[in-house]
Protein backbone atom coordinates (compact mmCIF):
# COMPACT_ATOMS: atom_id res chain seq x y z
CA MET A 1 -0.28 0.26 0.22
CA GLU A 2 0.72 3.89 -0.46
CA THR A 3 0.48 4.30 2.98
CA GLU A 4 3.27 1.29 4.06
CA SER A 5 5.41 2.64 1.34
CA PHE A 6 5.44 5.89 2.53
CA PHE A 7 6.49 5.14 6.02
CA GLU A 8 9.21 2.54 4.37
CA LYS A 9 10.99 5.62 2.56
CA VAL A 10 10.60 7.31 5.95
CA GLU A 11 12.69 5.00 7.72
CA LYS A 12 15.31 4.48 5.34
CA ILE A 13 16.15 8.67 5.71
CA LYS A 14 18.74 8.85 8.09
CA MET A 15 18.51 10.39 11.42
CA PRO A 16 20.33 13.48 10.45
CA PHE A 17 18.08 14.25 8.17
CA ARG A 18 14.99 13.16 9.84
CA ILE A 19 15.78 15.81 11.87
CA VAL A 20 16.39 18.58 9.61
CA ILE A 21 13.41 17.88 7.72
CA LEU A 22 11.19 18.00 11.33
CA VAL A 23 13.02 21.30 12.12
CA LEU A 24 12.35 22.75 8.90
CA THR A 25 8.38 21.41 8.97
CA VAL A 26 8.44 23.17 12.52
CA GLY A 27 9.98 26.56 11.18
CA ILE A 28 7.59 26.63 8.11
CA ILE A 29 4.56 25.77 10.71
CA ALA A 30 5.96 28.44 12.95
CA GLY A 31 6.73 30.78 10.15
CA ALA A 32 3.24 30.66 8.83
CA PHE A 33 1.34 30.87 12.39
CA ILE A 34 3.40 34.51 12.98
CA TRP A 35 2.85 35.89 9.60
CA LEU A 36 -0.92 34.80 9.00
CA VAL A 37 -1.90 35.33 12.83
CA TYR A 38 0.54 37.00 15.27
CA LEU A 39 1.91 39.95 13.48
CA PRO A 40 -1.76 40.64 11.91
CA ARG A 41 -2.72 40.15 15.56
CA THR A 42 0.20 41.88 17.43
CA GLY A 43 -0.63 45.04 15.09
CA GLU A 44 -4.27 45.12 15.84
CA ILE A 45 -3.40 45.24 19.33
CA ILE A 46 -1.10 48.13 18.38
CA LYS A 47 -3.26 49.81 16.87
CA THR A 48 -5.88 49.23 19.66
CA LYS A 49 -3.38 50.44 22.30
CA LEU A 50 -3.18 53.47 20.56
CA GLU A 51 -6.65 54.27 20.20
CA VAL A 52 -7.22 53.67 23.87
CA GLY A 53 -4.29 56.00 24.64
CA ASP A 54 -5.60 58.69 22.55
CA LEU A 55 -9.31 58.32 24.06
CA ARG A 56 -7.57 58.30 27.62
CA GLN A 57 -6.19 61.67 26.55
CA LYS A 58 -9.44 63.28 25.16
CA LEU A 59 -11.27 61.99 28.50
CA ASN A 60 -8.65 63.58 30.54
CA ARG A 61 -9.39 66.75 28.83
CA ALA A 62 -12.79 66.43 28.51
CA LYS A 63 -12.53 65.79 32.42
CA VAL A 64 -10.27 69.15 33.26
CA LYS A 65 -12.71 70.83 31.02
CA ALA A 66 -16.01 69.63 32.86
CA LYS A 67 -14.02 70.71 36.13
CA GLY A 68 -13.26 74.59 34.50
CA LEU A 69 -17.14 74.61 33.26
CA ALA A 70 -18.58 73.81 36.77
CA LYS A 71 -15.77 76.09 38.52
CA PHE A 72 -16.96 78.90 35.99
CA GLU A 73 -20.39 78.20 36.53
CA ALA A 74 -20.47 78.18 40.69
CA GLU A 75 -18.41 81.74 40.23
CA MET A 76 -21.07 82.82 37.95
CA ALA A 77 -23.62 82.03 40.28
CA GLN A 78 -21.87 83.71 43.28
CA VAL A 79 -21.54 86.90 41.55
CA ASP A 80 -25.52 86.68 39.89
CA ALA A 81 -26.21 86.08 43.89
CA GLN A 82 -23.80 89.27 45.05
CA PHE A 83 -25.27 91.28 42.33
CA LYS A 84 -28.64 90.76 43.18
CA GLU A 85 -27.44 91.11 46.85
CA ALA A 86 -26.42 94.52 46.06
CA LEU A 87 -29.58 95.47 43.98
CA LYS A 88 -31.38 95.49 47.25
CA LEU A 89 -29.45 98.06 48.27
CA LEU A 90 -31.07 100.09 45.59
CA PRO A 91 -34.27 101.90 45.93
CA ASP A 92 -36.63 101.36 42.48
CA LYS A 93 -38.24 104.32 41.33
CA LYS A 94 -41.57 103.89 43.02
CA GLU A 95 -39.51 103.96 46.47
CA ILE A 96 -37.80 107.37 45.59
CA PRO A 97 -40.13 109.44 47.11
CA THR A 98 -40.58 107.32 50.64
CA LEU A 99 -37.31 107.27 50.89
CA LEU A 100 -36.40 110.90 50.82
CA LYS A 101 -39.21 111.37 52.91
CA ASN A 102 -37.41 109.28 55.25
CA VAL A 103 -34.08 111.68 55.13
CA THR A 104 -35.82 114.90 55.83
CA GLN A 105 -37.52 112.67 58.81
CA LEU A 106 -34.07 111.62 60.25
CA GLY A 107 -33.10 115.51 59.71
CA THR A 108 -36.21 116.64 62.26
CA GLU A 109 -35.49 113.97 64.39
CA SER A 110 -31.87 114.82 64.81
CA ASP A 111 -33.22 118.84 65.50
CA LEU A 112 -32.13 120.07 62.40
CA GLU A 113 -33.97 122.92 60.67
CA PHE A 114 -34.46 122.44 56.89
CA ARG A 115 -33.54 125.72 54.66
CA LEU A 116 -33.74 123.58 51.36
CA PHE A 117 -34.30 119.94 50.30
CA SER A 118 -34.79 120.26 46.61
CA PRO A 119 -34.28 116.91 44.37
CA ARG A 120 -32.66 117.59 41.42
CA LYS A 121 -32.50 115.71 37.82
CA GLU A 122 -31.83 112.05 37.86
CA ARG A 123 -28.14 111.68 36.40
CA ALA A 124 -27.35 108.35 34.74
CA LYS A 125 -24.20 106.24 35.51
CA GLY A 126 -23.73 102.79 33.43
CA PHE A 127 -26.99 100.12 34.70
CA TYR A 128 -28.03 102.37 37.22
CA LEU A 129 -28.97 106.61 37.87
CA GLU A 130 -27.87 108.81 40.76
CA ILE A 131 -30.26 111.28 42.26
CA PRO A 132 -28.94 113.72 43.53
CA VAL A 133 -30.74 115.80 46.60
CA SER A 134 -29.72 119.58 47.22
CA ILE A 135 -29.71 120.15 51.17
CA VAL A 136 -29.31 123.10 53.35
CA VAL A 137 -29.71 122.70 57.31
CA SER A 138 -29.50 124.55 60.59
CA GLY A 139 -28.48 123.08 63.53
CA SER A 140 -25.19 122.46 65.68
CA TYR A 141 -22.31 120.24 64.79
CA HIS A 142 -23.48 117.51 66.47
CA ASN A 143 -26.95 117.61 65.22
CA VAL A 144 -25.77 117.61 61.82
CA ALA A 145 -22.79 114.49 62.58
CA LEU A 146 -26.00 113.02 64.04
CA PHE A 147 -27.89 113.26 61.18
CA PHE A 148 -25.12 111.93 58.75
CA ASP A 149 -24.40 108.72 60.86
CA ARG A 150 -28.33 107.92 60.83
CA VAL A 151 -28.15 108.69 56.71
CA GLY A 152 -25.63 106.64 56.51
CA LYS A 153 -27.01 103.56 58.98
CA MET A 154 -30.09 103.18 56.28
CA GLU A 155 -30.95 100.39 54.59
CA ARG A 156 -30.77 102.01 51.25
CA ILE A 157 -27.71 103.45 49.87
CA MET A 158 -27.87 107.24 50.51
CA ASN A 159 -23.83 109.18 50.43
CA ILE A 160 -23.57 113.08 51.41
CA ILE A 161 -20.89 114.89 49.36
CA ASN A 162 -19.86 118.50 48.77
CA VAL A 163 -20.49 119.55 52.72
CA SER A 164 -20.02 123.05 53.58
CA MET A 165 -20.45 124.87 57.15
CA LYS A 166 -20.48 128.36 58.05
CA PRO A 167 -21.98 129.64 61.44
CA THR A 168 -25.18 131.78 61.06
CA LYS A 169 -23.36 134.61 62.89
CA LYS A 170 -19.70 135.35 64.53
CA ARG A 171 -19.04 133.18 67.54
CA SER A 172 -22.73 131.36 66.72
CA THR A 173 -23.14 127.82 67.45
CA THR A 174 -25.72 127.19 65.06
CA LEU A 175 -23.97 126.17 61.69
CA VAL A 176 -25.90 126.53 58.01
CA THR A 177 -25.02 123.00 56.44
CA ASN A 178 -24.51 122.85 52.63
CA CYS A 179 -24.44 119.45 51.14
CA GLN A 180 -25.51 116.80 48.39
CA ALA A 181 -27.46 113.93 49.44
CA VAL A 182 -26.93 111.42 46.33
CA THR A 183 -29.19 108.16 46.50
CA TYR A 184 -29.48 105.50 43.33
CA ARG A 185 -31.54 103.60 41.43
CA PHE A 186 -31.33 100.53 39.21
CA LYS A 187 -32.08 101.67 36.04
CA GLY A 188 -35.15 99.61 34.27
CA GLU A 189 -36.17 98.75 30.65
CA ILE A 190 -38.45 102.08 30.76
CA ASP A 191 -35.42 103.97 31.76
CA ALA A 192 -33.40 102.72 28.73
CA LYS A 193 -36.25 103.66 25.89
CA PRO A 194 -35.80 107.14 24.30
CA THR A 195 -38.59 109.31 25.48
CA LYS A 196 -41.08 110.14 22.04
CA LYS A 197 -41.16 113.60 21.36
CA LYS A 198 -44.41 114.94 20.86
CA THR A 199 -44.90 116.39 17.28
CA LYS A 200 -47.50 119.43 17.49
CA PRO A 201 -50.27 119.34 14.99
CA LYS A 202 -49.87 121.04 12.01
CA LYS A 203 -52.07 124.10 11.72
CA LYS A 204 -54.48 123.90 9.04
CA LYS A 205 -53.74 126.82 6.31
């Protein structure tokens, strides 16, 4: 049979040649495995590792950006809260008459006599308006200082500027005090809109 003749031929081959044939056969099989299986898989593994590394870098960058965004949002929320808190110190338009009435009340309680209390035209300053009030009072230095202190402790912001004092007469303890009280209010949408000028109706010829 052919199988028997094959083995008979193999048995006739000397041992050194058998070893060489075995080594070559193993080498061919190993080479085929490396070339067809190992190298392609190794390339895929290296490529996958590179992709994973790139994805990790992108993930780390995204985490850093997320932390920065969260910090920025927290800071914005804090600034917004501080801004809203600051706006509470600014009276709105409808509160101005009451606020000015309170100022005169504080002056009266400080034993001062008002000679002038005249609100002036509002002055635009960015997102808010200044409301100046010209004030002239007469009274002792102590009472004037008490009045200024009470105004400074009001819940709403009110500043006293341009202060000048002079006695009503020589060696008198009664002073005439000129000053300007300035309060502020937030500029609303109505203030931002320009006022429309009224057009006069045309006369008929």
